[in-house]
Amino acid sequence: MTRHSDTTSYKDIKQTVLERIRSGEWRPDSLLPNEQELAIAFSCTRTTVNRALRELADEGFLERRRKAGTRVLSAPQRQARFTIPLVRDEVEAMGGTYRYALVSSEACTAPDWLSARLALRAGQDVMHVRCMHYSGNTPFQYEDRWIVIESVPQVSQADFTGTGPNEWLVETIPFTNVELTFLASRADASLAGFLDVPEGEPIFTTERITWLQGQPVTLAKLYFAAGYRMTTQI
């Protein structure tokens, strides 16, 4: 761990901790070094470290428990408004056997509509992942996801053949804000084939955008097969 000068402020420590969380050096659910170790590493007092970690806990990045230590949260508790389970959890909660299949995964330049939606720079690179989720052999959800590579550099080496991008993101990077949109769309020929419905059939659709401290992380469009029910608690 890099040493800092004795003029290190709590704001410097906050920034460094956030950078390590964003880079994946300190992953969701991992424990941070204790305050004494951090104070030595940053060449500052434990009081300074304590203030930095306390503010990050208040902002929802960390969870601090006496004797258990400080760990990185998968998703900031203070910001959470909805329970958004993994698709695997939804299928298994309904008594089904979860099955996943990758359709495609490729790095590309963000299309104009995505750049406008996420306020990306012209020519910014994204990872475009499409996949299917099943309950047994029955289609459950078609996922069409865009991940901003600059926000999540690790995605360039990610292998989505066995694990879906939703699960991978939850394990890799936290978020600070989420925007959920619910709408009805009609199945085009491609969607109809994936979800085993007639072309033109109304499809329950969710669009989810997540950010980390103002940086766009991902935009996902999720299309559900007939009979899907979403329940949220506020």
Protein backbone atom coordinates (compact mmCIF):
# COMPACT_ATOMS: atom_id res chain seq x y z
CA MET A 1 0.00 0.00 0.00
CA THR A 2 1.36 3.40 -0.98
CA ARG A 3 2.50 5.63 1.87
CA HIS A 4 1.23 9.19 2.10
CA SER A 5 2.69 12.30 3.66
CA ASP A 6 1.82 13.32 7.19
CA THR A 7 -0.40 16.05 5.70
CA THR A 8 -2.87 13.47 4.43
CA SER A 9 -6.41 14.66 5.09
CA TYR A 10 -9.53 12.60 5.66
CA LYS A 11 -10.72 13.76 2.20
CA ASP A 12 -7.57 12.30 0.63
CA ILE A 13 -8.26 9.01 2.36
CA LYS A 14 -11.91 9.01 1.25
CA GLN A 15 -10.84 9.58 -2.34
CA THR A 16 -8.25 6.81 -2.23
CA VAL A 17 -10.70 4.34 -0.70
CA LEU A 18 -13.27 5.17 -3.37
CA GLU A 19 -10.69 4.71 -6.12
CA ARG A 20 -9.78 1.29 -4.76
CA ILE A 21 -13.43 0.28 -4.61
CA ARG A 22 -14.06 1.48 -8.16
CA SER A 23 -10.96 -0.22 -9.53
CA GLY A 24 -11.94 -3.53 -7.93
CA GLU A 25 -8.89 -3.62 -5.64
CA TRP A 26 -11.36 -3.69 -2.72
CA ARG A 27 -14.29 -5.74 -3.98
CA PRO A 28 -17.88 -5.78 -2.67
CA ASP A 29 -18.15 -7.69 0.64
CA SER A 30 -14.37 -7.61 1.17
CA LEU A 31 -12.92 -6.40 4.49
CA LEU A 32 -10.72 -3.31 4.60
CA PRO A 33 -7.49 -3.21 6.65
CA ASN A 34 -8.16 -2.06 10.22
CA GLU A 35 -7.83 1.58 11.27
CA GLN A 36 -4.36 1.13 12.74
CA GLU A 37 -3.06 -0.46 9.55
CA LEU A 38 -4.60 2.29 7.43
CA ALA A 39 -3.22 5.02 9.69
CA ILE A 40 0.29 3.58 9.22
CA ALA A 41 -0.19 3.24 5.46
CA PHE A 42 -1.48 6.81 5.09
CA SER A 43 0.97 8.28 7.64
CA CYS A 44 -1.82 9.90 9.61
CA THR A 45 -3.73 9.46 12.84
CA ARG A 46 -6.44 6.89 13.48
CA THR A 47 -8.82 9.80 14.07
CA THR A 48 -8.32 10.94 10.49
CA VAL A 49 -8.89 7.42 9.16
CA ASN A 50 -11.95 7.02 11.38
CA ARG A 51 -13.55 10.18 10.02
CA ALA A 52 -12.96 9.13 6.41
CA LEU A 53 -14.41 5.66 6.93
CA ARG A 54 -17.30 6.98 9.00
CA GLU A 55 -18.31 9.39 6.22
CA LEU A 56 -18.04 6.66 3.60
CA ALA A 57 -20.26 4.47 5.79
CA ASP A 58 -22.78 7.32 6.12
CA GLU A 59 -22.73 7.72 2.34
CA GLY A 60 -23.45 4.03 1.91
CA PHE A 61 -20.16 2.68 0.54
CA LEU A 62 -19.04 0.81 3.66
CA GLU A 63 -20.54 -1.13 6.53
CA ARG A 64 -18.77 -0.81 9.90
CA ARG A 65 -19.38 -3.25 12.73
CA ARG A 66 -17.66 -3.37 16.08
CA LYS A 67 -15.19 -6.27 16.21
CA ALA A 68 -16.29 -7.42 12.73
CA GLY A 69 -14.43 -4.67 10.88
CA THR A 70 -15.26 -2.52 7.86
CA ARG A 71 -16.43 -4.05 4.61
CA VAL A 72 -17.37 -2.78 1.15
CA LEU A 73 -21.09 -2.83 0.44
CA SER A 74 -22.37 -4.36 -2.80
CA ALA A 75 -24.93 -1.56 -3.07
CA PRO A 76 -25.16 1.49 -0.80
CA GLN A 77 -27.85 0.92 1.82
CA ARG A 78 -28.70 4.58 2.19
CA GLN A 79 -29.61 4.86 -1.47
CA ALA A 80 -31.59 1.64 -1.75
CA ARG A 81 -35.31 2.01 -2.43
CA PHE A 82 -36.15 -1.29 -4.12
CA THR A 83 -35.15 -4.87 -3.57
CA ILE A 84 -33.79 -6.01 -6.93
CA PRO A 85 -32.96 -9.71 -6.68
CA LEU A 86 -30.73 -11.57 -9.07
CA VAL A 87 -32.60 -13.44 -11.79
CA ARG A 88 -31.29 -16.70 -10.33
CA ASP A 89 -32.92 -15.83 -6.99
CA GLU A 90 -36.24 -14.96 -8.64
CA VAL A 91 -36.38 -18.24 -10.55
CA GLU A 92 -35.40 -20.35 -7.56
CA ALA A 93 -37.84 -18.52 -5.26
CA MET A 94 -40.61 -19.64 -7.63
CA GLY A 95 -39.44 -23.25 -7.38
CA GLY A 96 -37.76 -23.31 -10.78
CA THR A 97 -34.33 -24.49 -11.83
CA TYR A 98 -32.26 -21.58 -13.03
CA ARG A 99 -30.45 -21.83 -16.35
CA TYR A 100 -28.40 -19.19 -18.15
CA ALA A 101 -27.27 -18.87 -21.77
CA LEU A 102 -25.04 -16.22 -23.36
CA VAL A 103 -26.27 -14.91 -26.70
CA SER A 104 -23.43 -12.51 -27.52
CA SER A 105 -20.77 -10.35 -25.89
CA GLU A 106 -18.70 -7.73 -27.72
CA ALA A 107 -16.84 -4.48 -27.11
CA CYS A 108 -17.95 -1.68 -29.39
CA THR A 109 -18.37 2.07 -29.66
CA ALA A 110 -21.48 3.29 -27.85
CA PRO A 111 -24.30 3.99 -30.32
CA ASP A 112 -25.59 7.56 -30.46
CA TRP A 113 -28.80 6.81 -28.53
CA LEU A 114 -26.82 5.26 -25.66
CA SER A 115 -24.30 8.11 -25.57
CA ALA A 116 -27.16 10.59 -25.34
CA ARG A 117 -28.94 8.59 -22.62
CA LEU A 118 -25.85 8.17 -20.44
CA ALA A 119 -24.13 11.45 -21.35
CA LEU A 120 -21.10 9.61 -22.73
CA ARG A 121 -18.34 11.20 -24.77
CA ALA A 122 -18.40 10.63 -28.51
CA GLY A 123 -16.63 7.40 -29.37
CA GLN A 124 -16.66 6.01 -25.84
CA ASP A 125 -16.36 2.20 -25.65
CA VAL A 126 -18.93 -0.11 -24.09
CA MET A 127 -19.41 -3.84 -23.66
CA HIS A 128 -22.67 -5.06 -25.19
CA VAL A 129 -23.94 -8.30 -23.65
CA ARG A 130 -27.10 -10.15 -24.60
CA CYS A 131 -28.21 -13.26 -22.72
CA MET A 132 -31.15 -15.45 -21.80
CA HIS A 133 -32.35 -16.61 -18.40
CA TYR A 134 -34.57 -19.68 -18.09
CA SER A 135 -36.66 -21.46 -15.50
CA GLY A 136 -35.93 -25.04 -16.48
CA ASN A 137 -36.48 -25.02 -20.23
CA THR A 138 -38.99 -22.17 -20.11
CA PRO A 139 -37.85 -18.67 -21.14
CA PHE A 140 -37.90 -16.30 -18.16
CA GLN A 141 -35.98 -13.15 -19.16
CA TYR A 142 -34.04 -11.77 -22.10
CA GLU A 143 -31.31 -9.34 -21.00
CA ASP A 144 -29.83 -6.70 -23.31
CA ARG A 145 -27.08 -4.89 -21.35
CA TRP A 146 -24.53 -2.16 -22.08
CA ILE A 147 -21.58 -1.69 -19.67
CA VAL A 148 -19.37 1.42 -19.79
CA ILE A 149 -15.79 0.14 -20.02
CA GLU A 150 -14.26 3.31 -18.60
CA SER A 151 -16.38 2.90 -15.44
CA VAL A 152 -15.71 -0.84 -15.16
CA PRO A 153 -12.36 -1.60 -16.86
CA GLN A 154 -12.44 -5.21 -15.61
CA VAL A 155 -15.31 -5.97 -17.99
CA SER A 156 -12.86 -6.11 -20.90
CA GLN A 157 -11.53 -9.41 -19.52
CA ALA A 158 -14.83 -10.73 -18.15
CA ASP A 159 -16.10 -14.10 -19.34
CA PHE A 160 -19.89 -14.19 -19.51
CA THR A 161 -20.24 -17.70 -20.88
CA GLY A 162 -21.05 -19.18 -17.48
CA THR A 163 -22.10 -16.18 -15.37
CA GLY A 164 -24.52 -13.44 -16.36
CA PRO A 165 -23.50 -9.77 -16.39
CA ASN A 166 -25.96 -8.93 -13.61
CA GLU A 167 -24.32 -11.35 -11.16
CA TRP A 168 -20.85 -10.31 -12.32
CA LEU A 169 -21.55 -6.59 -11.77
CA VAL A 170 -22.98 -7.17 -8.28
CA GLU A 171 -19.80 -9.01 -7.31
CA THR A 172 -17.46 -6.51 -8.98
CA ILE A 173 -18.62 -2.93 -8.43
CA PRO A 174 -21.06 -1.05 -6.17
CA PHE A 175 -23.48 1.63 -7.32
CA THR A 176 -24.67 4.87 -5.77
CA ASN A 177 -27.74 5.65 -7.87
CA VAL A 178 -30.23 3.65 -9.88
CA GLU A 179 -32.98 4.66 -12.30
CA LEU A 180 -35.77 2.17 -12.99
CA THR A 181 -38.26 2.49 -15.84
CA PHE A 182 -41.17 0.10 -16.35
CA LEU A 183 -42.92 -0.08 -19.70
CA ALA A 184 -44.78 -2.30 -22.11
CA SER A 185 -43.15 -3.01 -25.44
CA ARG A 186 -44.01 -5.34 -28.32
CA ALA A 187 -41.92 -8.36 -29.23
CA ASP A 188 -40.09 -8.01 -32.53
CA ALA A 189 -39.12 -11.14 -34.46
CA SER A 190 -35.91 -11.61 -32.44
CA LEU A 191 -37.55 -11.16 -29.02
CA ALA A 192 -40.44 -13.38 -30.00
CA GLY A 193 -37.99 -16.16 -30.78
CA PHE A 194 -36.09 -15.81 -27.52
CA LEU A 195 -39.17 -15.56 -25.28
CA ASP A 196 -41.32 -18.02 -27.27
CA VAL A 197 -44.21 -15.59 -27.81
CA PRO A 198 -46.01 -14.41 -30.96
CA GLU A 199 -44.41 -11.49 -32.79
CA GLY A 200 -46.09 -8.25 -31.73
CA GLU A 201 -47.06 -9.65 -28.32
CA PRO A 202 -46.95 -7.06 -25.47
CA ILE A 203 -43.88 -7.70 -23.30
CA PHE A 204 -43.28 -6.45 -19.75
CA THR A 205 -40.03 -4.51 -19.95
CA THR A 206 -37.72 -2.99 -17.35
CA GLU A 207 -34.95 -0.53 -18.11
CA ARG A 208 -32.35 -0.08 -15.38
CA ILE A 209 -29.47 2.43 -15.32
CA THR A 210 -26.90 2.49 -12.52
CA TRP A 211 -24.24 5.05 -11.65
CA LEU A 212 -21.25 5.17 -9.32
CA GLN A 213 -20.68 8.68 -7.98
CA GLY A 214 -22.01 10.30 -11.15
CA GLN A 215 -20.27 7.92 -13.54
CA PRO A 216 -22.62 5.77 -15.65
CA VAL A 217 -21.96 2.06 -15.10
CA THR A 218 -24.58 0.15 -17.07
CA LEU A 219 -27.88 0.33 -18.90
CA ALA A 220 -29.89 -2.88 -19.07
CA LYS A 221 -33.12 -3.61 -20.88
CA LEU A 222 -34.85 -6.64 -19.40
CA TYR A 223 -37.71 -8.35 -21.23
CA PHE A 224 -39.86 -10.86 -19.34
CA ALA A 225 -41.92 -13.80 -20.48
CA ALA A 226 -45.65 -14.04 -19.83
CA GLY A 227 -46.67 -14.46 -16.20
CA TYR A 228 -43.80 -12.48 -14.69
CA ARG A 229 -44.68 -10.54 -11.53
CA MET A 230 -42.56 -7.86 -9.88
CA THR A 231 -43.05 -6.97 -6.22
CA THR A 232 -41.23 -4.12 -4.48
CA GLN A 233 -41.21 -2.83 -0.95
CA ILE A 234 -40.56 0.80 0.00
